[in-house]
Amino acid sequence: MGSGLRWSDSLEIALDLIEQHDDVDPYKIHFTDLREWVLALERFDDDPAHCGERVLEAIQLAWMAEVD
């Protein structure tokens, strides 16, 4: 693992997701989609197994806070 984004970087992940998925309403996102989008981020560099519902919820909440 290098210096890329980790699951704990919820705000930075949310900002990257906003750039790539600007047409998505974060209030209607499915965690399965959110997880796949995070894993697909170029800057993301963490173990996929370290992701749980709380981690995805933190990312979703950060995304919602940024678009409000």
PDB file of N, CA and C in Angstrom:
ATOM      1  N   MET A   1       0.826  -1.177   0.000  1.00  0.00           N
ATOM      2  CA  MET A   1       0.000   0.000   0.000  1.00  0.00           C
ATOM      3  C   MET A   1       0.876   1.249   0.000  1.00  0.00           C
ATOM      4  N   GLY A   2       0.553   2.170  -0.869  1.00  0.00           N
ATOM      5  CA  GLY A   2       1.371   3.358  -1.015  1.00  0.00           C
ATOM      6  C   GLY A   2       0.753   4.560  -0.342  1.00  0.00           C
ATOM      7  N   SER A   3       0.864   5.706  -0.990  1.00  0.00           N
ATOM      8  CA  SER A   3       0.382   6.951  -0.402  1.00  0.00           C
ATOM      9  C   SER A   3      -0.993   7.339  -0.931  1.00  0.00           C
ATOM     10  N   GLY A   4      -1.712   6.394  -1.489  1.00  0.00           N
ATOM     11  CA  GLY A   4      -3.029   6.687  -2.035  1.00  0.00           C
ATOM     12  C   GLY A   4      -4.085   6.804  -0.947  1.00  0.00           C
ATOM     13  N   LEU A   5      -5.315   6.941  -1.378  1.00  0.00           N
ATOM     14  CA  LEU A   5      -6.432   7.070  -0.453  1.00  0.00           C
ATOM     15  C   LEU A   5      -6.695   5.754   0.266  1.00  0.00           C
ATOM     16  N   ARG A   6      -7.094   5.886   1.524  1.00  0.00           N
ATOM     17  CA  ARG A   6      -7.445   4.731   2.341  1.00  0.00           C
ATOM     18  C   ARG A   6      -8.915   4.863   2.730  1.00  0.00           C
ATOM     19  N   TRP A   7      -9.500   3.783   3.196  1.00  0.00           N
ATOM     20  CA  TRP A   7     -10.918   3.811   3.559  1.00  0.00           C
ATOM     21  C   TRP A   7     -11.222   4.918   4.568  1.00  0.00           C
ATOM     22  N   SER A   8     -10.277   5.260   5.412  1.00  0.00           N
ATOM     23  CA  SER A   8     -10.497   6.291   6.428  1.00  0.00           C
ATOM     24  C   SER A   8     -10.516   7.707   5.864  1.00  0.00           C
ATOM     25  N   ASP A   9     -10.138   7.873   4.610  1.00  0.00           N
ATOM     26  CA  ASP A   9     -10.114   9.194   3.967  1.00  0.00           C
ATOM     27  C   ASP A   9     -11.471   9.520   3.342  1.00  0.00           C
ATOM     28  N   SER A  10     -12.520   9.481   4.156  1.00  0.00           N
ATOM     29  CA  SER A  10     -13.876   9.595   3.619  1.00  0.00           C
ATOM     30  C   SER A  10     -14.121  10.894   2.859  1.00  0.00           C
ATOM     31  N   LEU A  11     -13.630  12.014   3.348  1.00  0.00           N
ATOM     32  CA  LEU A  11     -13.863  13.279   2.650  1.00  0.00           C
ATOM     33  C   LEU A  11     -13.145  13.310   1.309  1.00  0.00           C
ATOM     34  N   GLU A  12     -11.894  12.916   1.279  1.00  0.00           N
ATOM     35  CA  GLU A  12     -11.143  12.912   0.019  1.00  0.00           C
ATOM     36  C   GLU A  12     -11.762  11.943  -0.996  1.00  0.00           C
ATOM     37  N   ILE A  13     -12.206  10.794  -0.501  1.00  0.00           N
ATOM     38  CA  ILE A  13     -12.887   9.834  -1.380  1.00  0.00           C
ATOM     39  C   ILE A  13     -14.164  10.459  -1.924  1.00  0.00           C
ATOM     40  N   ALA A  14     -14.936  11.095  -1.043  1.00  0.00           N
ATOM     41  CA  ALA A  14     -16.183  11.736  -1.473  1.00  0.00           C
ATOM     42  C   ALA A  14     -15.917  12.794  -2.540  1.00  0.00           C
ATOM     43  N   LEU A  15     -14.871  13.592  -2.369  1.00  0.00           N
ATOM     44  CA  LEU A  15     -14.553  14.628  -3.355  1.00  0.00           C
ATOM     45  C   LEU A  15     -14.192  14.011  -4.706  1.00  0.00           C
ATOM     46  N   ASP A  16     -13.439  12.922  -4.699  1.00  0.00           N
ATOM     47  CA  ASP A  16     -13.111  12.234  -5.950  1.00  0.00           C
ATOM     48  C   ASP A  16     -14.373  11.658  -6.592  1.00  0.00           C
ATOM     49  N   LEU A  17     -15.261  11.105  -5.783  1.00  0.00           N
ATOM     50  CA  LEU A  17     -16.495  10.533  -6.322  1.00  0.00           C
ATOM     51  C   LEU A  17     -17.400  11.612  -6.905  1.00  0.00           C
ATOM     52  N   ILE A  18     -17.432  12.776  -6.271  1.00  0.00           N
ATOM     53  CA  ILE A  18     -18.230  13.886  -6.796  1.00  0.00           C
ATOM     54  C   ILE A  18     -17.738  14.270  -8.185  1.00  0.00           C
ATOM     55  N   GLU A  19     -16.428  14.300  -8.367  1.00  0.00           N
ATOM     56  CA  GLU A  19     -15.864  14.614  -9.687  1.00  0.00           C
ATOM     57  C   GLU A  19     -16.258  13.582 -10.731  1.00  0.00           C
ATOM     58  N   GLN A  20     -16.195  12.318 -10.368  1.00  0.00           N
ATOM     59  CA  GLN A  20     -16.443  11.256 -11.341  1.00  0.00           C
ATOM     60  C   GLN A  20     -17.921  10.924 -11.523  1.00  0.00           C
ATOM     61  N   HIS A  21     -18.734  11.212 -10.522  1.00  0.00           N
ATOM     62  CA  HIS A  21     -20.155  10.844 -10.570  1.00  0.00           C
ATOM     63  C   HIS A  21     -21.008  12.039 -10.189  1.00  0.00           C
ATOM     64  N   ASP A  22     -20.806  13.157 -10.880  1.00  0.00           N
ATOM     65  CA  ASP A  22     -21.489  14.404 -10.529  1.00  0.00           C
ATOM     66  C   ASP A  22     -22.995  14.360 -10.767  1.00  0.00           C
ATOM     67  N   ASP A  23     -23.475  13.353 -11.483  1.00  0.00           N
ATOM     68  CA  ASP A  23     -24.900  13.233 -11.757  1.00  0.00           C
ATOM     69  C   ASP A  23     -25.618  12.334 -10.748  1.00  0.00           C
ATOM     70  N   VAL A  24     -24.886  11.825  -9.767  1.00  0.00           N
ATOM     71  CA  VAL A  24     -25.446  10.895  -8.793  1.00  0.00           C
ATOM     72  C   VAL A  24     -25.927  11.652  -7.555  1.00  0.00           C
ATOM     73  N   ASP A  25     -27.115  11.283  -7.086  1.00  0.00           N
ATOM     74  CA  ASP A  25     -27.651  11.829  -5.844  1.00  0.00           C
ATOM     75  C   ASP A  25     -27.134  10.956  -4.698  1.00  0.00           C
ATOM     76  N   PRO A  26     -26.263  11.481  -3.835  1.00  0.00           N
ATOM     77  CA  PRO A  26     -25.689  10.658  -2.773  1.00  0.00           C
ATOM     78  C   PRO A  26     -26.720  10.162  -1.760  1.00  0.00           C
ATOM     79  N   TYR A  27     -27.905  10.762  -1.757  1.00  0.00           N
ATOM     80  CA  TYR A  27     -28.965  10.317  -0.851  1.00  0.00           C
ATOM     81  C   TYR A  27     -29.616   9.029  -1.351  1.00  0.00           C
ATOM     82  N   LYS A  28     -29.400   8.690  -2.614  1.00  0.00           N
ATOM     83  CA  LYS A  28     -30.049   7.517  -3.207  1.00  0.00           C
ATOM     84  C   LYS A  28     -29.059   6.432  -3.611  1.00  0.00           C
ATOM     85  N   ILE A  29     -27.840   6.537  -3.116  1.00  0.00           N
ATOM     86  CA  ILE A  29     -26.792   5.618  -3.535  1.00  0.00           C
ATOM     87  C   ILE A  29     -26.902   4.283  -2.791  1.00  0.00           C
ATOM     88  N   HIS A  30     -26.590   3.207  -3.493  1.00  0.00           N
ATOM     89  CA  HIS A  30     -26.539   1.872  -2.901  1.00  0.00           C
ATOM     90  C   HIS A  30     -25.105   1.608  -2.466  1.00  0.00           C
ATOM     91  N   PHE A  31     -24.935   1.014  -1.303  1.00  0.00           N
ATOM     92  CA  PHE A  31     -23.589   0.749  -0.795  1.00  0.00           C
ATOM     93  C   PHE A  31     -22.797  -0.172  -1.728  1.00  0.00           C
ATOM     94  N   THR A  32     -23.467  -1.073  -2.428  1.00  0.00           N
ATOM     95  CA  THR A  32     -22.747  -1.947  -3.366  1.00  0.00           C
ATOM     96  C   THR A  32     -22.124  -1.121  -4.490  1.00  0.00           C
ATOM     97  N   ASP A  33     -22.869  -0.136  -4.994  1.00  0.00           N
ATOM     98  CA  ASP A  33     -22.328   0.750  -6.031  1.00  0.00           C
ATOM     99  C   ASP A  33     -21.214   1.620  -5.465  1.00  0.00           C
ATOM    100  N   LEU A  34     -21.449   2.178  -4.292  1.00  0.00           N
ATOM    101  CA  LEU A  34     -20.461   3.053  -3.667  1.00  0.00           C
ATOM    102  C   LEU A  34     -19.138   2.322  -3.478  1.00  0.00           C
ATOM    103  N   ARG A  35     -19.179   1.114  -3.002  1.00  0.00           N
ATOM    104  CA  ARG A  35     -17.960   0.330  -2.780  1.00  0.00           C
ATOM    105  C   ARG A  35     -17.207   0.125  -4.086  1.00  0.00           C
ATOM    106  N   GLU A  36     -17.927  -0.242  -5.129  1.00  0.00           N
ATOM    107  CA  GLU A  36     -17.285  -0.465  -6.436  1.00  0.00           C
ATOM    108  C   GLU A  36     -16.670   0.820  -6.978  1.00  0.00           C
ATOM    109  N   TRP A  37     -17.351   1.932  -6.813  1.00  0.00           N
ATOM    110  CA  TRP A  37     -16.824   3.215  -7.294  1.00  0.00           C
ATOM    111  C   TRP A  37     -15.567   3.605  -6.548  1.00  0.00           C
ATOM    112  N   VAL A  38     -15.549   3.367  -5.239  1.00  0.00           N
ATOM    113  CA  VAL A  38     -14.357   3.689  -4.448  1.00  0.00           C
ATOM    114  C   VAL A  38     -13.192   2.824  -4.911  1.00  0.00           C
ATOM    115  N   LEU A  39     -13.438   1.542  -5.070  1.00  0.00           N
ATOM    116  CA  LEU A  39     -12.368   0.636  -5.508  1.00  0.00           C
ATOM    117  C   LEU A  39     -11.832   1.013  -6.885  1.00  0.00           C
ATOM    118  N   ALA A  40     -12.653   1.626  -7.710  1.00  0.00           N
ATOM    119  CA  ALA A  40     -12.252   2.006  -9.065  1.00  0.00           C
ATOM    120  C   ALA A  40     -11.511   3.341  -9.122  1.00  0.00           C
ATOM    121  N   LEU A  41     -11.502   4.095  -8.011  1.00  0.00           N
ATOM    122  CA  LEU A  41     -10.805   5.383  -8.011  1.00  0.00           C
ATOM    123  C   LEU A  41      -9.307   5.183  -8.242  1.00  0.00           C
ATOM    124  N   GLU A  42      -8.747   6.006  -9.108  1.00  0.00           N
ATOM    125  CA  GLU A  42      -7.327   5.906  -9.437  1.00  0.00           C
ATOM    126  C   GLU A  42      -6.446   6.090  -8.205  1.00  0.00           C
ATOM    127  N   ARG A  43      -6.824   7.010  -7.326  1.00  0.00           N
ATOM    128  CA  ARG A  43      -6.001   7.313  -6.147  1.00  0.00           C
ATOM    129  C   ARG A  43      -6.225   6.351  -4.983  1.00  0.00           C
ATOM    130  N   PHE A  44      -7.207   5.475  -5.089  1.00  0.00           N
ATOM    131  CA  PHE A  44      -7.524   4.582  -3.977  1.00  0.00           C
ATOM    132  C   PHE A  44      -6.511   3.454  -3.886  1.00  0.00           C
ATOM    133  N   ASP A  45      -6.004   3.236  -2.669  1.00  0.00           N
ATOM    134  CA  ASP A  45      -4.965   2.225  -2.471  1.00  0.00           C
ATOM    135  C   ASP A  45      -5.086   1.621  -1.078  1.00  0.00           C
ATOM    136  N   ASP A  46      -6.148   0.845  -0.863  1.00  0.00           N
ATOM    137  CA  ASP A  46      -6.335   0.202   0.426  1.00  0.00           C
ATOM    138  C   ASP A  46      -6.922  -1.188   0.181  1.00  0.00           C
ATOM    139  N   ASP A  47      -6.896  -1.995   1.196  1.00  0.00           N
ATOM    140  CA  ASP A  47      -7.381  -3.368   1.120  1.00  0.00           C
ATOM    141  C   ASP A  47      -8.907  -3.375   1.015  1.00  0.00           C
ATOM    142  N   PRO A  48      -9.454  -3.960  -0.042  1.00  0.00           N
ATOM    143  CA  PRO A  48     -10.917  -4.005  -0.188  1.00  0.00           C
ATOM    144  C   PRO A  48     -11.602  -4.700   0.983  1.00  0.00           C
ATOM    145  N   ALA A  49     -10.916  -5.594   1.649  1.00  0.00           N
ATOM    146  CA  ALA A  49     -11.504  -6.324   2.771  1.00  0.00           C
ATOM    147  C   ALA A  49     -11.708  -5.446   4.004  1.00  0.00           C
ATOM    148  N   HIS A  50     -11.091  -4.289   4.040  1.00  0.00           N
ATOM    149  CA  HIS A  50     -11.216  -3.399   5.191  1.00  0.00           C
ATOM    150  C   HIS A  50     -12.430  -2.482   5.110  1.00  0.00           C
ATOM    151  N   CYS A  51     -13.300  -2.763   4.195  1.00  0.00           N
ATOM    152  CA  CYS A  51     -14.488  -1.941   4.001  1.00  0.00           C
ATOM    153  C   CYS A  51     -15.697  -2.602   4.652  1.00  0.00           C
ATOM    154  N   GLY A  52     -16.408  -1.812   5.432  1.00  0.00           N
ATOM    155  CA  GLY A  52     -17.650  -2.277   6.041  1.00  0.00           C
ATOM    156  C   GLY A  52     -18.726  -1.223   5.882  1.00  0.00           C
ATOM    157  N   GLU A  53     -19.883  -1.506   6.423  1.00  0.00           N
ATOM    158  CA  GLU A  53     -21.013  -0.598   6.290  1.00  0.00           C
ATOM    159  C   GLU A  53     -20.722   0.774   6.907  1.00  0.00           C
ATOM    160  N   ARG A  54     -20.042   0.800   8.049  1.00  0.00           N
ATOM    161  CA  ARG A  54     -19.724   2.084   8.690  1.00  0.00           C
ATOM    162  C   ARG A  54     -18.797   2.931   7.827  1.00  0.00           C
ATOM    163  N   VAL A  55     -17.857   2.286   7.178  1.00  0.00           N
ATOM    164  CA  VAL A  55     -16.924   3.003   6.303  1.00  0.00           C
ATOM    165  C   VAL A  55     -17.683   3.616   5.134  1.00  0.00           C
ATOM    166  N   LEU A  56     -18.546   2.830   4.514  1.00  0.00           N
ATOM    167  CA  LEU A  56     -19.321   3.331   3.377  1.00  0.00           C
ATOM    168  C   LEU A  56     -20.281   4.436   3.811  1.00  0.00           C
ATOM    169  N   GLU A  57     -20.846   4.295   4.996  1.00  0.00           N
ATOM    170  CA  GLU A  57     -21.740   5.333   5.512  1.00  0.00           C
ATOM    171  C   GLU A  57     -20.981   6.644   5.724  1.00  0.00           C
ATOM    172  N   ALA A  58     -19.764   6.569   6.229  1.00  0.00           N
ATOM    173  CA  ALA A  58     -18.958   7.782   6.433  1.00  0.00           C
ATOM    174  C   ALA A  58     -18.664   8.464   5.102  1.00  0.00           C
ATOM    175  N   ILE A  59     -18.373   7.684   4.074  1.00  0.00           N
ATOM    176  CA  ILE A  59     -18.122   8.250   2.747  1.00  0.00           C
ATOM    177  C   ILE A  59     -19.393   8.889   2.204  1.00  0.00           C
ATOM    178  N   GLN A  60     -20.515   8.197   2.347  1.00  0.00           N
ATOM    179  CA  GLN A  60     -21.792   8.743   1.867  1.00  0.00           C
ATOM    180  C   GLN A  60     -22.132  10.033   2.599  1.00  0.00           C
ATOM    181  N   LEU A  61     -21.947  10.066   3.910  1.00  0.00           N
ATOM    182  CA  LEU A  61     -22.240  11.278   4.683  1.00  0.00           C
ATOM    183  C   LEU A  61     -21.347  12.436   4.260  1.00  0.00           C
ATOM    184  N   ALA A  62     -20.081  12.167   3.999  1.00  0.00           N
ATOM    185  CA  ALA A  62     -19.173  13.218   3.536  1.00  0.00           C
ATOM    186  C   ALA A  62     -19.624  13.735   2.178  1.00  0.00           C
ATOM    187  N   TRP A  63     -20.059  12.842   1.307  1.00  0.00           N
ATOM    188  CA  TRP A  63     -20.553  13.225  -0.023  1.00  0.00           C
ATOM    189  C   TRP A  63     -21.798  14.106   0.134  1.00  0.00           C
ATOM    190  N   MET A  64     -22.728  13.698   0.982  1.00  0.00           N
ATOM    191  CA  MET A  64     -23.939  14.479   1.195  1.00  0.00           C
ATOM    192  C   MET A  64     -23.617  15.861   1.740  1.00  0.00           C
ATOM    193  N   ALA A  65     -22.680  15.932   2.666  1.00  0.00           N
ATOM    194  CA  ALA A  65     -22.290  17.220   3.248  1.00  0.00           C
ATOM    195  C   ALA A  65     -21.700  18.150   2.199  1.00  0.00           C
ATOM    196  N   GLU A  66     -20.972  17.599   1.256  1.00  0.00           N
ATOM    197  CA  GLU A  66     -20.338  18.421   0.227  1.00  0.00           C
ATOM    198  C   GLU A  66     -21.326  18.947  -0.805  1.00  0.00           C
ATOM    199  N   VAL A  67     -22.356  18.201  -1.099  1.00  0.00           N
ATOM    200  CA  VAL A  67     -23.319  18.656  -2.121  1.00  0.00           C
ATOM    201  C   VAL A  67     -24.432  19.534  -1.548  1.00  0.00           C
ATOM    202  N   ASP A  68     -24.561  19.544  -0.227  1.00  0.00           N
ATOM    203  CA  ASP A  68     -25.591  20.397   0.404  1.00  0.00           C
ATOM    204  C   ASP A  68     -25.124  21.826   0.528  1.00  0.00           C
TER     205      ASP A  68
END
